[in-house]
Amino acid sequence: MKHFLLGSVLGATAGLIFSCMKDDKGNRPGKPLKVEFDGLKHDTQSFTCALKKTKQASQELNAQMPEAQRIISDMGDDIEKYSRHIQPTVDRLKQKGEEMNQDLENLASDNKKA
């Protein structure tokens, strides 16, 4: 206990002497440390704020997810219904296109014969 108390007193004395010293510009050693500490404190507060916003956004996303899934499912159903609705028209267009190709082939072969 005696050594601990002696070490504490010597450490406090050395710290006091060190803090009273000044560099070439007249600044004490604690000043840059305070600037660093203030910067760290500000960065920590910014990080905490950003983390809070991220958690809030995540909660909002999770709350909106069921509705978004329902909308996507409804859109898929609508696309499927539309595809079934237009399929007869697409089939008729394909058939007409094939008929036109066949007619063109017949005309080309008739022109070659003539």
Protein backbone atom coordinates (compact mmCIF):
# COMPACT_ATOMS: atom_id res chain seq x y z
CA MET A 1 0.00 0.00 0.00
CA LYS A 2 2.91 2.29 0.83
CA HIS A 3 4.42 1.74 -2.65
CA PHE A 4 1.08 2.34 -4.35
CA LEU A 5 0.63 5.65 -2.55
CA LEU A 6 4.20 6.68 -3.35
CA GLY A 7 3.71 5.77 -7.03
CA SER A 8 0.45 7.71 -7.18
CA VAL A 9 2.06 10.81 -5.66
CA LEU A 10 5.07 10.59 -8.00
CA GLY A 11 2.80 10.05 -11.04
CA ALA A 12 0.60 13.00 -10.13
CA THR A 13 3.66 15.19 -9.59
CA ALA A 14 5.17 14.16 -12.93
CA GLY A 15 1.84 14.85 -14.66
CA LEU A 16 1.58 18.27 -13.07
CA ILE A 17 5.12 19.19 -14.11
CA PHE A 18 4.56 17.85 -17.64
CA SER A 19 1.32 19.84 -18.01
CA CYS A 20 3.04 23.08 -16.98
CA MET A 21 5.71 22.79 -19.67
CA LYS A 22 5.28 24.69 -22.94
CA ASP A 23 6.55 23.91 -26.43
CA ASP A 24 8.27 26.32 -28.88
CA LYS A 25 4.96 28.00 -29.76
CA GLY A 26 3.92 28.46 -26.16
CA ASN A 27 1.31 25.69 -26.23
CA ARG A 28 0.97 23.26 -23.38
CA PRO A 29 1.02 19.51 -24.17
CA GLY A 30 -2.59 19.11 -23.07
CA LYS A 31 -3.94 21.41 -25.79
CA PRO A 32 -3.42 19.02 -28.75
CA LEU A 33 -4.70 16.18 -26.61
CA LYS A 34 -7.85 18.19 -25.86
CA VAL A 35 -8.32 18.86 -29.57
CA GLU A 36 -7.91 15.13 -30.29
CA PHE A 37 -10.29 14.24 -27.47
CA ASP A 38 -12.90 16.74 -28.70
CA GLY A 39 -12.58 15.33 -32.23
CA LEU A 40 -12.99 11.79 -30.93
CA LYS A 41 -16.00 12.88 -28.89
CA HIS A 42 -17.58 14.51 -31.94
CA ASP A 43 -16.89 11.45 -34.10
CA THR A 44 -18.43 9.21 -31.46
CA GLN A 45 -21.55 11.38 -31.32
CA SER A 46 -21.79 11.36 -35.14
CA PHE A 47 -21.42 7.58 -35.21
CA THR A 48 -24.07 7.17 -32.51
CA CYS A 49 -26.45 9.42 -34.42
CA ALA A 50 -25.81 7.55 -37.68
CA LEU A 51 -26.31 4.21 -35.93
CA LYS A 52 -29.61 5.45 -34.49
CA LYS A 53 -30.78 6.59 -37.94
CA THR A 54 -29.75 3.24 -39.43
CA LYS A 55 -31.72 1.33 -36.81
CA GLN A 56 -34.75 3.54 -37.42
CA ALA A 57 -34.52 3.06 -41.18
CA SER A 58 -34.20 -0.69 -40.70
CA GLN A 59 -37.31 -0.73 -38.52
CA GLU A 60 -39.24 1.30 -41.10
CA LEU A 61 -38.09 -1.06 -43.86
CA ASN A 62 -39.20 -4.08 -41.85
CA ALA A 63 -42.57 -2.41 -41.23
CA GLN A 64 -43.06 -1.69 -44.96
CA MET A 65 -41.82 -5.10 -46.17
CA PRO A 66 -45.16 -6.99 -45.96
CA GLU A 67 -46.93 -4.29 -47.97
CA ALA A 68 -44.13 -4.24 -50.56
CA GLN A 69 -44.29 -8.04 -50.89
CA ARG A 70 -48.05 -7.85 -51.36
CA ILE A 71 -47.69 -5.17 -54.04
CA ILE A 72 -45.04 -7.20 -55.89
CA SER A 73 -47.27 -10.27 -55.71
CA ASP A 74 -50.23 -8.26 -57.05
CA MET A 75 -48.08 -6.92 -59.89
CA GLY A 76 -47.01 -10.47 -60.79
CA ASP A 77 -50.66 -11.56 -60.82
CA ASP A 78 -51.60 -8.59 -63.03
CA ILE A 79 -48.80 -9.38 -65.49
CA GLU A 80 -49.87 -13.01 -65.64
CA LYS A 81 -53.51 -12.02 -66.27
CA TYR A 82 -52.45 -9.56 -68.99
CA SER A 83 -50.27 -12.21 -70.62
CA ARG A 84 -53.21 -14.63 -70.74
CA HIS A 85 -55.44 -11.84 -72.08
CA ILE A 86 -53.13 -10.91 -74.96
CA GLN A 87 -52.03 -14.47 -75.82
CA PRO A 88 -54.81 -15.03 -78.44
CA THR A 89 -53.79 -11.77 -80.17
CA VAL A 90 -50.13 -12.79 -80.14
CA ASP A 91 -51.04 -16.20 -81.57
CA ARG A 92 -53.08 -14.57 -84.38
CA LEU A 93 -50.18 -12.21 -85.16
CA LYS A 94 -47.79 -15.17 -85.34
CA GLN A 95 -50.17 -17.03 -87.63
CA LYS A 96 -50.58 -13.99 -89.90
CA GLY A 97 -46.81 -13.53 -89.99
CA GLU A 98 -46.32 -17.19 -90.98
CA GLU A 99 -49.01 -16.86 -93.65
CA MET A 100 -47.32 -13.73 -95.02
CA ASN A 101 -43.94 -15.49 -95.09
CA GLN A 102 -45.49 -18.42 -96.91
CA ASP A 103 -47.11 -16.05 -99.42
CA LEU A 104 -43.78 -14.29 -99.99
CA GLU A 105 -42.02 -17.61 -100.50
CA ASN A 106 -44.70 -18.64 -103.02
CA LEU A 107 -44.35 -15.33 -104.87
CA ALA A 108 -40.56 -15.66 -104.96
CA SER A 109 -40.76 -19.18 -106.32
CA ASP A 110 -43.38 -18.09 -108.92
CA ASN A 111 -41.12 -15.24 -110.03
CA LYS A 112 -38.18 -17.62 -110.43
CA LYS A 113 -40.27 -19.95 -112.62
CA ALA A 114 -41.47 -17.15 -114.84
